[in-house]
Amino acid sequence: MTANASAQPTEVQNNEAEKRYELKLGGRVVGVAEYRPAGPSLMFTHTEIEEGHEGQGLGSTLVRAALDDARARKIDVVPMCPFVAAFIREHSEYLDLVQLQQRGMFGL
């Protein structure tokens, strides 16, 4: 998965061994979206972009790719991470990934 969030190409991969999606910039991990399997869902617990790379849209690139992957795998998400919840609030096309009965807990 590639995007143009900065001058260098970005790549997002699911590192299942570490239970996190990793955003690589120039081949180096500069962001992660950590998750835990929660029954038939993925619970996103923490998203972080390395210092010096904030404010470039990389967090959005990372979360969009992670949510697109969850959708492709037909997996619901539980956005415990405030950044992931805010992203879903701002991008309603991802609302269907959160179970209806859980949406109120996250302000969705």
PDB file of N, CA and C in Angstrom:
ATOM      1  N   MET A   1       0.852  -1.173   0.000  1.00  0.00           N
ATOM      2  CA  MET A   1       0.000   0.000   0.000  1.00  0.00           C
ATOM      3  C   MET A   1       0.892   1.228   0.000  1.00  0.00           C
ATOM      4  N   THR A   2       0.691   2.100  -0.950  1.00  0.00           N
ATOM      5  CA  THR A   2       1.553   3.258  -1.089  1.00  0.00           C
ATOM      6  C   THR A   2       0.722   4.523  -1.116  1.00  0.00           C
ATOM      7  N   ALA A   3       1.264   5.598  -0.572  1.00  0.00           N
ATOM      8  CA  ALA A   3       0.600   6.896  -0.598  1.00  0.00           C
ATOM      9  C   ALA A   3       1.654   7.985  -0.737  1.00  0.00           C
ATOM     10  N   ASN A   4       1.223   9.192  -1.031  1.00  0.00           N
ATOM     11  CA  ASN A   4       2.148  10.307  -1.181  1.00  0.00           C
ATOM     12  C   ASN A   4       1.959  11.310  -0.059  1.00  0.00           C
ATOM     13  N   ALA A   5       2.106  10.897   1.182  1.00  0.00           N
ATOM     14  CA  ALA A   5       1.920  11.792   2.316  1.00  0.00           C
ATOM     15  C   ALA A   5       3.128  12.689   2.510  1.00  0.00           C
ATOM     16  N   SER A   6       4.251  12.349   1.930  1.00  0.00           N
ATOM     17  CA  SER A   6       5.454  13.167   2.017  1.00  0.00           C
ATOM     18  C   SER A   6       6.252  12.969   0.742  1.00  0.00           C
ATOM     19  N   ALA A   7       7.437  13.525   0.695  1.00  0.00           N
ATOM     20  CA  ALA A   7       8.257  13.434  -0.507  1.00  0.00           C
ATOM     21  C   ALA A   7       8.683  11.987  -0.788  1.00  0.00           C
ATOM     22  N   GLN A   8       8.861  11.191   0.249  1.00  0.00           N
ATOM     23  CA  GLN A   8       9.259   9.799   0.084  1.00  0.00           C
ATOM     24  C   GLN A   8       8.024   8.907   0.039  1.00  0.00           C
ATOM     25  N   PRO A   9       8.101   7.813  -0.708  1.00  0.00           N
ATOM     26  CA  PRO A   9       6.957   6.891  -0.728  1.00  0.00           C
ATOM     27  C   PRO A   9       6.780   6.221   0.630  1.00  0.00           C
ATOM     28  N   THR A  10       5.515   6.018   1.004  1.00  0.00           N
ATOM     29  CA  THR A  10       5.213   5.326   2.254  1.00  0.00           C
ATOM     30  C   THR A  10       4.677   3.941   1.935  1.00  0.00           C
ATOM     31  N   GLU A  11       4.841   3.054   2.889  1.00  0.00           N
ATOM     32  CA  GLU A  11       4.342   1.690   2.758  1.00  0.00           C
ATOM     33  C   GLU A  11       3.769   1.287   4.107  1.00  0.00           C
ATOM     34  N   VAL A  12       2.596   0.664   4.099  1.00  0.00           N
ATOM     35  CA  VAL A  12       1.982   0.177   5.333  1.00  0.00           C
ATOM     36  C   VAL A  12       1.855  -1.336   5.233  1.00  0.00           C
ATOM     37  N   GLN A  13       2.326  -2.015   6.279  1.00  0.00           N
ATOM     38  CA  GLN A  13       2.246  -3.467   6.328  1.00  0.00           C
ATOM     39  C   GLN A  13       1.721  -3.904   7.684  1.00  0.00           C
ATOM     40  N   ASN A  14       0.985  -5.011   7.683  1.00  0.00           N
ATOM     41  CA  ASN A  14       0.514  -5.616   8.916  1.00  0.00           C
ATOM     42  C   ASN A  14       1.602  -6.552   9.427  1.00  0.00           C
ATOM     43  N   ASN A  15       2.204  -6.197  10.549  1.00  0.00           N
ATOM     44  CA  ASN A  15       3.195  -7.053  11.197  1.00  0.00           C
ATOM     45  C   ASN A  15       2.434  -7.879  12.233  1.00  0.00           C
ATOM     46  N   GLU A  16       1.933  -9.022  11.808  1.00  0.00           N
ATOM     47  CA  GLU A  16       1.088  -9.841  12.677  1.00  0.00           C
ATOM     48  C   GLU A  16       1.842 -10.358  13.894  1.00  0.00           C
ATOM     49  N   ALA A  17       3.129 -10.620  13.759  1.00  0.00           N
ATOM     50  CA  ALA A  17       3.922 -11.106  14.893  1.00  0.00           C
ATOM     51  C   ALA A  17       3.966 -10.073  16.013  1.00  0.00           C
ATOM     52  N   GLU A  18       4.042  -8.793  15.659  1.00  0.00           N
ATOM     53  CA  GLU A  18       4.086  -7.713  16.652  1.00  0.00           C
ATOM     54  C   GLU A  18       2.703  -7.143  16.955  1.00  0.00           C
ATOM     55  N   LYS A  19       1.679  -7.617  16.233  1.00  0.00           N
ATOM     56  CA  LYS A  19       0.294  -7.130  16.359  1.00  0.00           C
ATOM     57  C   LYS A  19       0.225  -5.620  16.165  1.00  0.00           C
ATOM     58  N   ARG A  20       0.728  -5.194  15.009  1.00  0.00           N
ATOM     59  CA  ARG A  20       0.675  -3.777  14.673  1.00  0.00           C
ATOM     60  C   ARG A  20       0.831  -3.574  13.174  1.00  0.00           C
ATOM     61  N   TYR A  21       0.189  -2.517  12.705  1.00  0.00           N
ATOM     62  CA  TYR A  21       0.418  -2.064  11.342  1.00  0.00           C
ATOM     63  C   TYR A  21       1.585  -1.096  11.411  1.00  0.00           C
ATOM     64  N   GLU A  22       2.499  -1.228  10.476  1.00  0.00           N
ATOM     65  CA  GLU A  22       3.686  -0.378  10.462  1.00  0.00           C
ATOM     66  C   GLU A  22       3.697   0.477   9.216  1.00  0.00           C
ATOM     67  N   LEU A  23       3.972   1.758   9.407  1.00  0.00           N
ATOM     68  CA  LEU A  23       4.131   2.666   8.282  1.00  0.00           C
ATOM     69  C   LEU A  23       5.620   2.892   8.106  1.00  0.00           C
ATOM     70  N   LYS A  24       6.098   2.590   6.897  1.00  0.00           N
ATOM     71  CA  LYS A  24       7.520   2.762   6.590  1.00  0.00           C
ATOM     72  C   LYS A  24       7.681   3.940   5.640  1.00  0.00           C
ATOM     73  N   LEU A  25       8.677   4.722   5.907  1.00  0.00           N
ATOM     74  CA  LEU A  25       9.034   5.865   5.084  1.00  0.00           C
ATOM     75  C   LEU A  25      10.485   5.662   4.689  1.00  0.00           C
ATOM     76  N   GLY A  26      10.721   5.519   3.395  1.00  0.00           N
ATOM     77  CA  GLY A  26      12.078   5.236   2.945  1.00  0.00           C
ATOM     78  C   GLY A  26      12.613   3.941   3.522  1.00  0.00           C
ATOM     79  N   GLY A  27      11.739   2.953   3.745  1.00  0.00           N
ATOM     80  CA  GLY A  27      12.155   1.650   4.249  1.00  0.00           C
ATOM     81  C   GLY A  27      12.288   1.560   5.758  1.00  0.00           C
ATOM     82  N   ARG A  28      12.071   2.662   6.479  1.00  0.00           N
ATOM     83  CA  ARG A  28      12.218   2.692   7.935  1.00  0.00           C
ATOM     84  C   ARG A  28      10.860   2.902   8.599  1.00  0.00           C
ATOM     85  N   VAL A  29      10.578   2.139   9.670  1.00  0.00           N
ATOM     86  CA  VAL A  29       9.310   2.271  10.387  1.00  0.00           C
ATOM     87  C   VAL A  29       9.299   3.615  11.118  1.00  0.00           C
ATOM     88  N   VAL A  30       8.300   4.448  10.793  1.00  0.00           N
ATOM     89  CA  VAL A  30       8.158   5.754  11.452  1.00  0.00           C
ATOM     90  C   VAL A  30       6.790   5.894  12.119  1.00  0.00           C
ATOM     91  N   GLY A  31       5.938   4.877  11.989  1.00  0.00           N
ATOM     92  CA  GLY A  31       4.625   4.931  12.621  1.00  0.00           C
ATOM     93  C   GLY A  31       4.069   3.541  12.829  1.00  0.00           C
ATOM     94  N   VAL A  32       3.271   3.399  13.891  1.00  0.00           N
ATOM     95  CA  VAL A  32       2.635   2.114  14.176  1.00  0.00           C
ATOM     96  C   VAL A  32       1.209   2.337  14.654  1.00  0.00           C
ATOM     97  N   ALA A  33       0.353   1.404  14.309  1.00  0.00           N
ATOM     98  CA  ALA A  33      -1.009   1.330  14.836  1.00  0.00           C
ATOM     99  C   ALA A  33      -1.118  -0.053  15.477  1.00  0.00           C
ATOM    100  N   GLU A  34      -1.077  -0.080  16.803  1.00  0.00           N
ATOM    101  CA  GLU A  34      -1.090  -1.339  17.536  1.00  0.00           C
ATOM    102  C   GLU A  34      -2.518  -1.847  17.701  1.00  0.00           C
ATOM    103  N   TYR A  35      -2.663  -3.166  17.706  1.00  0.00           N
ATOM    104  CA  TYR A  35      -3.984  -3.774  17.858  1.00  0.00           C
ATOM    105  C   TYR A  35      -3.891  -5.057  18.662  1.00  0.00           C
ATOM    106  N   ARG A  36      -5.060  -5.498  19.130  1.00  0.00           N
ATOM    107  CA  ARG A  36      -5.199  -6.806  19.781  1.00  0.00           C
ATOM    108  C   ARG A  36      -6.384  -7.497  19.143  1.00  0.00           C
ATOM    109  N   PRO A  37      -6.264  -8.776  18.844  1.00  0.00           N
ATOM    110  CA  PRO A  37      -7.445  -9.508  18.411  1.00  0.00           C
ATOM    111  C   PRO A  37      -8.445  -9.531  19.572  1.00  0.00           C
ATOM    112  N   ALA A  38      -9.714  -9.277  19.260  1.00  0.00           N
ATOM    113  CA  ALA A  38     -10.771  -9.282  20.277  1.00  0.00           C
ATOM    114  C   ALA A  38     -11.943 -10.056  19.702  1.00  0.00           C
ATOM    115  N   GLY A  39     -11.912 -11.369  19.870  1.00  0.00           N
ATOM    116  CA  GLY A  39     -12.935 -12.209  19.249  1.00  0.00           C
ATOM    117  C   GLY A  39     -12.846 -12.065  17.744  1.00  0.00           C
ATOM    118  N   PRO A  40     -13.963 -11.726  17.097  1.00  0.00           N
ATOM    119  CA  PRO A  40     -13.946 -11.581  15.638  1.00  0.00           C
ATOM    120  C   PRO A  40     -13.525 -10.178  15.186  1.00  0.00           C
ATOM    121  N   SER A  41     -13.006  -9.372  16.116  1.00  0.00           N
ATOM    122  CA  SER A  41     -12.661  -7.981  15.808  1.00  0.00           C
ATOM    123  C   SER A  41     -11.191  -7.703  16.056  1.00  0.00           C
ATOM    124  N   LEU A  42     -10.739  -6.555  15.552  1.00  0.00           N
ATOM    125  CA  LEU A  42      -9.419  -6.023  15.888  1.00  0.00           C
ATOM    126  C   LEU A  42      -9.644  -4.809  16.770  1.00  0.00           C
ATOM    127  N   MET A  43      -9.033  -4.798  17.948  1.00  0.00           N
ATOM    128  CA  MET A  43      -9.125  -3.665  18.850  1.00  0.00           C
ATOM    129  C   MET A  43      -7.861  -2.823  18.656  1.00  0.00           C
ATOM    130  N   PHE A  44      -8.046  -1.628  18.089  1.00  0.00           N
ATOM    131  CA  PHE A  44      -6.910  -0.723  17.915  1.00  0.00           C
ATOM    132  C   PHE A  44      -6.675  -0.003  19.234  1.00  0.00           C
ATOM    133  N   THR A  45      -5.462  -0.148  19.784  1.00  0.00           N
ATOM    134  CA  THR A  45      -5.168   0.349  21.124  1.00  0.00           C
ATOM    135  C   THR A  45      -4.282   1.586  21.146  1.00  0.00           C
ATOM    136  N   HIS A  46      -3.444   1.776  20.149  1.00  0.00           N
ATOM    137  CA  HIS A  46      -2.496   2.889  20.188  1.00  0.00           C
ATOM    138  C   HIS A  46      -1.958   3.153  18.785  1.00  0.00           C
ATOM    139  N   THR A  47      -1.875   4.428  18.443  1.00  0.00           N
ATOM    140  CA  THR A  47      -1.270   4.835  17.175  1.00  0.00           C
ATOM    141  C   THR A  47      -0.205   5.870  17.488  1.00  0.00           C
ATOM    142  N   GLU A  48       0.940   5.728  16.851  1.00  0.00           N
ATOM    143  CA  GLU A  48       2.039   6.656  17.124  1.00  0.00           C
ATOM    144  C   GLU A  48       2.851   6.904  15.860  1.00  0.00           C
ATOM    145  N   ILE A  49       3.187   8.163  15.642  1.00  0.00           N
ATOM    146  CA  ILE A  49       4.078   8.562  14.566  1.00  0.00           C
ATOM    147  C   ILE A  49       5.343   9.101  15.221  1.00  0.00           C
ATOM    148  N   GLU A  50       6.481   8.675  14.717  1.00  0.00           N
ATOM    149  CA  GLU A  50       7.773   9.071  15.274  1.00  0.00           C
ATOM    150  C   GLU A  50       7.924  10.595  15.309  1.00  0.00           C
ATOM    151  N   GLU A  51       8.539  11.072  16.358  1.00  0.00           N
ATOM    152  CA  GLU A  51       8.788  12.506  16.504  1.00  0.00           C
ATOM    153  C   GLU A  51       9.528  13.029  15.275  1.00  0.00           C
ATOM    154  N   GLY A  52       9.113  14.174  14.807  1.00  0.00           N
ATOM    155  CA  GLY A  52       9.705  14.761  13.614  1.00  0.00           C
ATOM    156  C   GLY A  52       8.934  14.440  12.346  1.00  0.00           C
ATOM    157  N   HIS A  53       7.990  13.508  12.446  1.00  0.00           N
ATOM    158  CA  HIS A  53       7.175  13.129  11.287  1.00  0.00           C
ATOM    159  C   HIS A  53       5.699  13.443  11.502  1.00  0.00           C
ATOM    160  N   GLU A  54       5.357  14.052  12.662  1.00  0.00           N
ATOM    161  CA  GLU A  54       3.965  14.396  12.922  1.00  0.00           C
ATOM    162  C   GLU A  54       3.539  15.534  11.998  1.00  0.00           C
ATOM    163  N   GLY A  55       2.227  15.648  11.808  1.00  0.00           N
ATOM    164  CA  GLY A  55       1.686  16.757  11.034  1.00  0.00           C
ATOM    165  C   GLY A  55       1.857  16.643   9.533  1.00  0.00           C
ATOM    166  N   GLN A  56       2.270  15.484   9.056  1.00  0.00           N
ATOM    167  CA  GLN A  56       2.481  15.266   7.620  1.00  0.00           C
ATOM    168  C   GLN A  56       1.397  14.384   7.010  1.00  0.00           C
ATOM    169  N   GLY A  57       0.385  14.020   7.803  1.00  0.00           N
ATOM    170  CA  GLY A  57      -0.675  13.150   7.303  1.00  0.00           C
ATOM    171  C   GLY A  57      -0.335  11.678   7.367  1.00  0.00           C
ATOM    172  N   LEU A  58       0.793  11.347   7.983  1.00  0.00           N
ATOM    173  CA  LEU A  58       1.215   9.945   8.025  1.00  0.00           C
ATOM    174  C   LEU A  58       0.317   9.097   8.929  1.00  0.00           C
ATOM    175  N   GLY A  59      -0.176   9.675  10.022  1.00  0.00           N
ATOM    176  CA  GLY A  59      -1.095   8.945  10.894  1.00  0.00           C
ATOM    177  C   GLY A  59      -2.360   8.563  10.155  1.00  0.00           C
ATOM    178  N   SER A  60      -2.889   9.496   9.374  1.00  0.00           N
ATOM    179  CA  SER A  60      -4.087   9.204   8.576  1.00  0.00           C
ATOM    180  C   SER A  60      -3.806   8.152   7.518  1.00  0.00           C
ATOM    181  N   THR A  61      -2.643   8.237   6.881  1.00  0.00           N
ATOM    182  CA  THR A  61      -2.260   7.231   5.880  1.00  0.00           C
ATOM    183  C   THR A  61      -2.200   5.850   6.519  1.00  0.00           C
ATOM    184  N   LEU A  62      -1.609   5.775   7.699  1.00  0.00           N
ATOM    185  CA  LEU A  62      -1.464   4.516   8.427  1.00  0.00           C
ATOM    186  C   LEU A  62      -2.827   3.944   8.817  1.00  0.00           C
ATOM    187  N   VAL A  63      -3.672   4.757   9.422  1.00  0.00           N
ATOM    188  CA  VAL A  63      -4.979   4.269   9.883  1.00  0.00           C
ATOM    189  C   VAL A  63      -5.872   3.904   8.706  1.00  0.00           C
ATOM    190  N   ARG A  64      -5.854   4.701   7.643  1.00  0.00           N
ATOM    191  CA  ARG A  64      -6.655   4.376   6.455  1.00  0.00           C
ATOM    192  C   ARG A  64      -6.263   3.003   5.907  1.00  0.00           C
ATOM    193  N   ALA A  65      -4.973   2.738   5.799  1.00  0.00           N
ATOM    194  CA  ALA A  65      -4.507   1.450   5.283  1.00  0.00           C
ATOM    195  C   ALA A  65      -4.906   0.305   6.207  1.00  0.00           C
ATOM    196  N   ALA A  66      -4.802   0.523   7.525  1.00  0.00           N
ATOM    197  CA  ALA A  66      -5.179  -0.522   8.485  1.00  0.00           C
ATOM    198  C   ALA A  66      -6.676  -0.823   8.398  1.00  0.00           C
ATOM    199  N   LEU A  67      -7.494   0.223   8.299  1.00  0.00           N
ATOM    200  CA  LEU A  67      -8.946   0.019   8.192  1.00  0.00           C
ATOM    201  C   LEU A  67      -9.320  -0.617   6.854  1.00  0.00           C
ATOM    202  N   ASP A  68      -8.641  -0.223   5.785  1.00  0.00           N
ATOM    203  CA  ASP A  68      -8.890  -0.858   4.481  1.00  0.00           C
ATOM    204  C   ASP A  68      -8.555  -2.346   4.534  1.00  0.00           C
ATOM    205  N   ASP A  69      -7.470  -2.687   5.238  1.00  0.00           N
ATOM    206  CA  ASP A  69      -7.091  -4.088   5.371  1.00  0.00           C
ATOM    207  C   ASP A  69      -8.126  -4.847   6.194  1.00  0.00           C
ATOM    208  N   ALA A  70      -8.596  -4.253   7.285  1.00  0.00           N
ATOM    209  CA  ALA A  70      -9.641  -4.899   8.092  1.00  0.00           C
ATOM    210  C   ALA A  70     -10.887  -5.134   7.248  1.00  0.00           C
ATOM    211  N   ARG A  71     -11.274  -4.157   6.453  1.00  0.00           N
ATOM    212  CA  ARG A  71     -12.447  -4.307   5.583  1.00  0.00           C
ATOM    213  C   ARG A  71     -12.224  -5.445   4.586  1.00  0.00           C
ATOM    214  N   ALA A  72     -11.067  -5.493   3.964  1.00  0.00           N
ATOM    215  CA  ALA A  72     -10.770  -6.539   2.975  1.00  0.00           C
ATOM    216  C   ALA A  72     -10.819  -7.929   3.621  1.00  0.00           C
ATOM    217  N   ARG A  73     -10.458  -7.999   4.900  1.00  0.00           N
ATOM    218  CA  ARG A  73     -10.462  -9.268   5.628  1.00  0.00           C
ATOM    219  C   ARG A  73     -11.801  -9.530   6.325  1.00  0.00           C
ATOM    220  N   LYS A  74     -12.758  -8.590   6.143  1.00  0.00           N
ATOM    221  CA  LYS A  74     -14.098  -8.718   6.738  1.00  0.00           C
ATOM    222  C   LYS A  74     -14.030  -8.815   8.260  1.00  0.00           C
ATOM    223  N   ILE A  75     -13.220  -7.924   8.861  1.00  0.00           N
ATOM    224  CA  ILE A  75     -13.030  -7.895  10.305  1.00  0.00           C
ATOM    225  C   ILE A  75     -13.557  -6.561  10.834  1.00  0.00           C
ATOM    226  N   ASP A  76     -14.383  -6.616  11.893  1.00  0.00           N
ATOM    227  CA  ASP A  76     -14.834  -5.401  12.572  1.00  0.00           C
ATOM    228  C   ASP A  76     -13.678  -4.809  13.363  1.00  0.00           C
ATOM    229  N   VAL A  77     -13.777  -3.516  13.676  1.00  0.00           N
ATOM    230  CA  VAL A  77     -12.751  -2.867  14.479  1.00  0.00           C
ATOM    231  C   VAL A  77     -13.378  -2.256  15.730  1.00  0.00           C
ATOM    232  N   VAL A  78     -12.573  -2.192  16.779  1.00  0.00           N
ATOM    233  CA  VAL A  78     -12.941  -1.541  18.030  1.00  0.00           C
ATOM    234  C   VAL A  78     -11.913  -0.420  18.218  1.00  0.00           C
ATOM    235  N   PRO A  79     -12.305   0.830  17.987  1.00  0.00           N
ATOM    236  CA  PRO A  79     -11.340   1.944  18.000  1.00  0.00           C
ATOM    237  C   PRO A  79     -11.066   2.489  19.402  1.00  0.00           C
ATOM    238  N   MET A  80     -10.377   1.705  20.240  1.00  0.00           N
ATOM    239  CA  MET A  80     -10.022   2.165  21.583  1.00  0.00           C
ATOM    240  C   MET A  80      -9.025   3.329  21.514  1.00  0.00           C
ATOM    241  N   CYS A  81      -8.212   3.366  20.502  1.00  0.00           N
ATOM    242  CA  CYS A  81      -7.250   4.450  20.306  1.00  0.00           C
ATOM    243  C   CYS A  81      -8.011   5.715  19.901  1.00  0.00           C
ATOM    244  N   PRO A  82      -7.827   6.828  20.615  1.00  0.00           N
ATOM    245  CA  PRO A  82      -8.539   8.058  20.276  1.00  0.00           C
ATOM    246  C   PRO A  82      -8.277   8.546  18.846  1.00  0.00           C
ATOM    247  N   PHE A  83      -7.080   8.336  18.330  1.00  0.00           N
ATOM    248  CA  PHE A  83      -6.782   8.773  16.967  1.00  0.00           C
ATOM    249  C   PHE A  83      -7.596   7.979  15.952  1.00  0.00           C
ATOM    250  N   VAL A  84      -7.698   6.657  16.159  1.00  0.00           N
ATOM    251  CA  VAL A  84      -8.468   5.820  15.239  1.00  0.00           C
ATOM    252  C   VAL A  84      -9.947   6.198  15.314  1.00  0.00           C
ATOM    253  N   ALA A  85     -10.463   6.415  16.521  1.00  0.00           N
ATOM    254  CA  ALA A  85     -11.870   6.814  16.669  1.00  0.00           C
ATOM    255  C   ALA A  85     -12.125   8.151  15.974  1.00  0.00           C
ATOM    256  N   ALA A  86     -11.224   9.116  16.148  1.00  0.00           N
ATOM    257  CA  ALA A  86     -11.381  10.425  15.504  1.00  0.00           C
ATOM    258  C   ALA A  86     -11.324  10.293  13.987  1.00  0.00           C
ATOM    259  N   PHE A  87     -10.453   9.430  13.493  1.00  0.00           N
ATOM    260  CA  PHE A  87     -10.352   9.224  12.045  1.00  0.00           C
ATOM    261  C   PHE A  87     -11.679   8.695  11.506  1.00  0.00           C
ATOM    262  N   ILE A  88     -12.270   7.727  12.201  1.00  0.00           N
ATOM    263  CA  ILE A  88     -13.544   7.151  11.752  1.00  0.00           C
ATOM    264  C   ILE A  88     -14.646   8.208  11.827  1.00  0.00           C
ATOM    265  N   ARG A  89     -14.647   9.043  12.869  1.00  0.00           N
ATOM    266  CA  ARG A  89     -15.639  10.136  12.960  1.00  0.00           C
ATOM    267  C   ARG A  89     -15.523  11.065  11.756  1.00  0.00           C
ATOM    268  N   GLU A  90     -14.316  11.350  11.322  1.00  0.00           N
ATOM    269  CA  GLU A  90     -14.081  12.271  10.207  1.00  0.00           C
ATOM    270  C   GLU A  90     -14.257  11.615   8.837  1.00  0.00           C
ATOM    271  N   HIS A  91     -14.236  10.303   8.788  1.00  0.00           N
ATOM    272  CA  HIS A  91     -14.334   9.559   7.524  1.00  0.00           C
ATOM    273  C   HIS A  91     -15.432   8.511   7.675  1.00  0.00           C
ATOM    274  N   SER A  92     -16.670   8.952   7.512  1.00  0.00           N
ATOM    275  CA  SER A  92     -17.826   8.102   7.792  1.00  0.00           C
ATOM    276  C   SER A  92     -17.889   6.849   6.921  1.00  0.00           C
ATOM    277  N   GLU A  93     -17.119   6.803   5.856  1.00  0.00           N
ATOM    278  CA  GLU A  93     -17.110   5.600   5.019  1.00  0.00           C
ATOM    279  C   GLU A  93     -16.538   4.392   5.769  1.00  0.00           C
ATOM    280  N   TYR A  94     -15.918   4.623   6.937  1.00  0.00           N
ATOM    281  CA  TYR A  94     -15.378   3.526   7.749  1.00  0.00           C
ATOM    282  C   TYR A  94     -16.274   3.173   8.933  1.00  0.00           C
ATOM    283  N   LEU A  95     -17.367   3.887   9.111  1.00  0.00           N
ATOM    284  CA  LEU A  95     -18.260   3.667  10.250  1.00  0.00           C
ATOM    285  C   LEU A  95     -18.790   2.241  10.299  1.00  0.00           C
ATOM    286  N   ASP A  96     -19.033   1.647   9.144  1.00  0.00           N
ATOM    287  CA  ASP A  96     -19.580   0.284   9.100  1.00  0.00           C
ATOM    288  C   ASP A  96     -18.636  -0.760   9.688  1.00  0.00           C
ATOM    289  N   LEU A  97     -17.372  -0.415   9.893  1.00  0.00           N
ATOM    290  CA  LEU A  97     -16.426  -1.364  10.476  1.00  0.00           C
ATOM    291  C   LEU A  97     -16.598  -1.505  11.988  1.00  0.00           C
ATOM    292  N   VAL A  98     -17.309  -0.542  12.594  1.00  0.00           N
ATOM    293  CA  VAL A  98     -17.556  -0.572  14.040  1.00  0.00           C
ATOM    294  C   VAL A  98     -18.972  -1.091  14.262  1.00  0.00           C
ATOM    295  N   GLN A  99     -19.101  -2.103  15.114  1.00  0.00           N
ATOM    296  CA  GLN A  99     -20.421  -2.678  15.366  1.00  0.00           C
ATOM    297  C   GLN A  99     -21.372  -1.603  15.887  1.00  0.00           C
ATOM    298  N   LEU A 100     -22.600  -1.661  15.413  1.00  0.00           N
ATOM    299  CA  LEU A 100     -23.609  -0.660  15.730  1.00  0.00           C
ATOM    300  C   LEU A 100     -23.723  -0.397  17.230  1.00  0.00           C
ATOM    301  N   GLN A 101     -23.768  -1.446  18.043  1.00  0.00           N
ATOM    302  CA  GLN A 101     -23.953  -1.285  19.477  1.00  0.00           C
ATOM    303  C   GLN A 101     -22.727  -0.671  20.164  1.00  0.00           C
ATOM    304  N   GLN A 102     -21.578  -0.605  19.494  1.00  0.00           N
ATOM    305  CA  GLN A 102     -20.371  -0.027  20.090  1.00  0.00           C
ATOM    306  C   GLN A 102     -20.140   1.423  19.674  1.00  0.00           C
ATOM    307  N   ARG A 103     -20.824   1.895  18.671  1.00  0.00           N
ATOM    308  CA  ARG A 103     -20.540   3.217  18.112  1.00  0.00           C
ATOM    309  C   ARG A 103     -20.687   4.343  19.121  1.00  0.00           C
ATOM    310  N   GLY A 104     -21.700   4.279  19.985  1.00  0.00           N
ATOM    311  CA  GLY A 104     -21.926   5.334  20.970  1.00  0.00           C
ATOM    312  C   GLY A 104     -20.768   5.495  21.947  1.00  0.00           C
ATOM    313  N   MET A 105     -20.106   4.398  22.298  1.00  0.00           N
ATOM    314  CA  MET A 105     -18.976   4.450  23.226  1.00  0.00           C
ATOM    315  C   MET A 105     -17.835   5.299  22.681  1.00  0.00           C
ATOM    316  N   PHE A 106     -17.755   5.399  21.360  1.00  0.00           N
ATOM    317  CA  PHE A 106     -16.648   6.098  20.720  1.00  0.00           C
ATOM    318  C   PHE A 106     -17.083   7.405  20.073  1.00  0.00           C
ATOM    319  N   GLY A 107     -18.325   7.823  20.362  1.00  0.00           N
ATOM    320  CA  GLY A 107     -18.826   9.068  19.801  1.00  0.00           C
ATOM    321  C   GLY A 107     -19.041   9.000  18.297  1.00  0.00           C
ATOM    322  N   LEU A 108     -19.365   7.808  17.803  1.00  0.00           N
ATOM    323  CA  LEU A 108     -19.552   7.616  16.369  1.00  0.00           C
ATOM    324  C   LEU A 108     -21.025   7.580  16.008  1.00  0.00           C
TER     325      LEU A 108
END
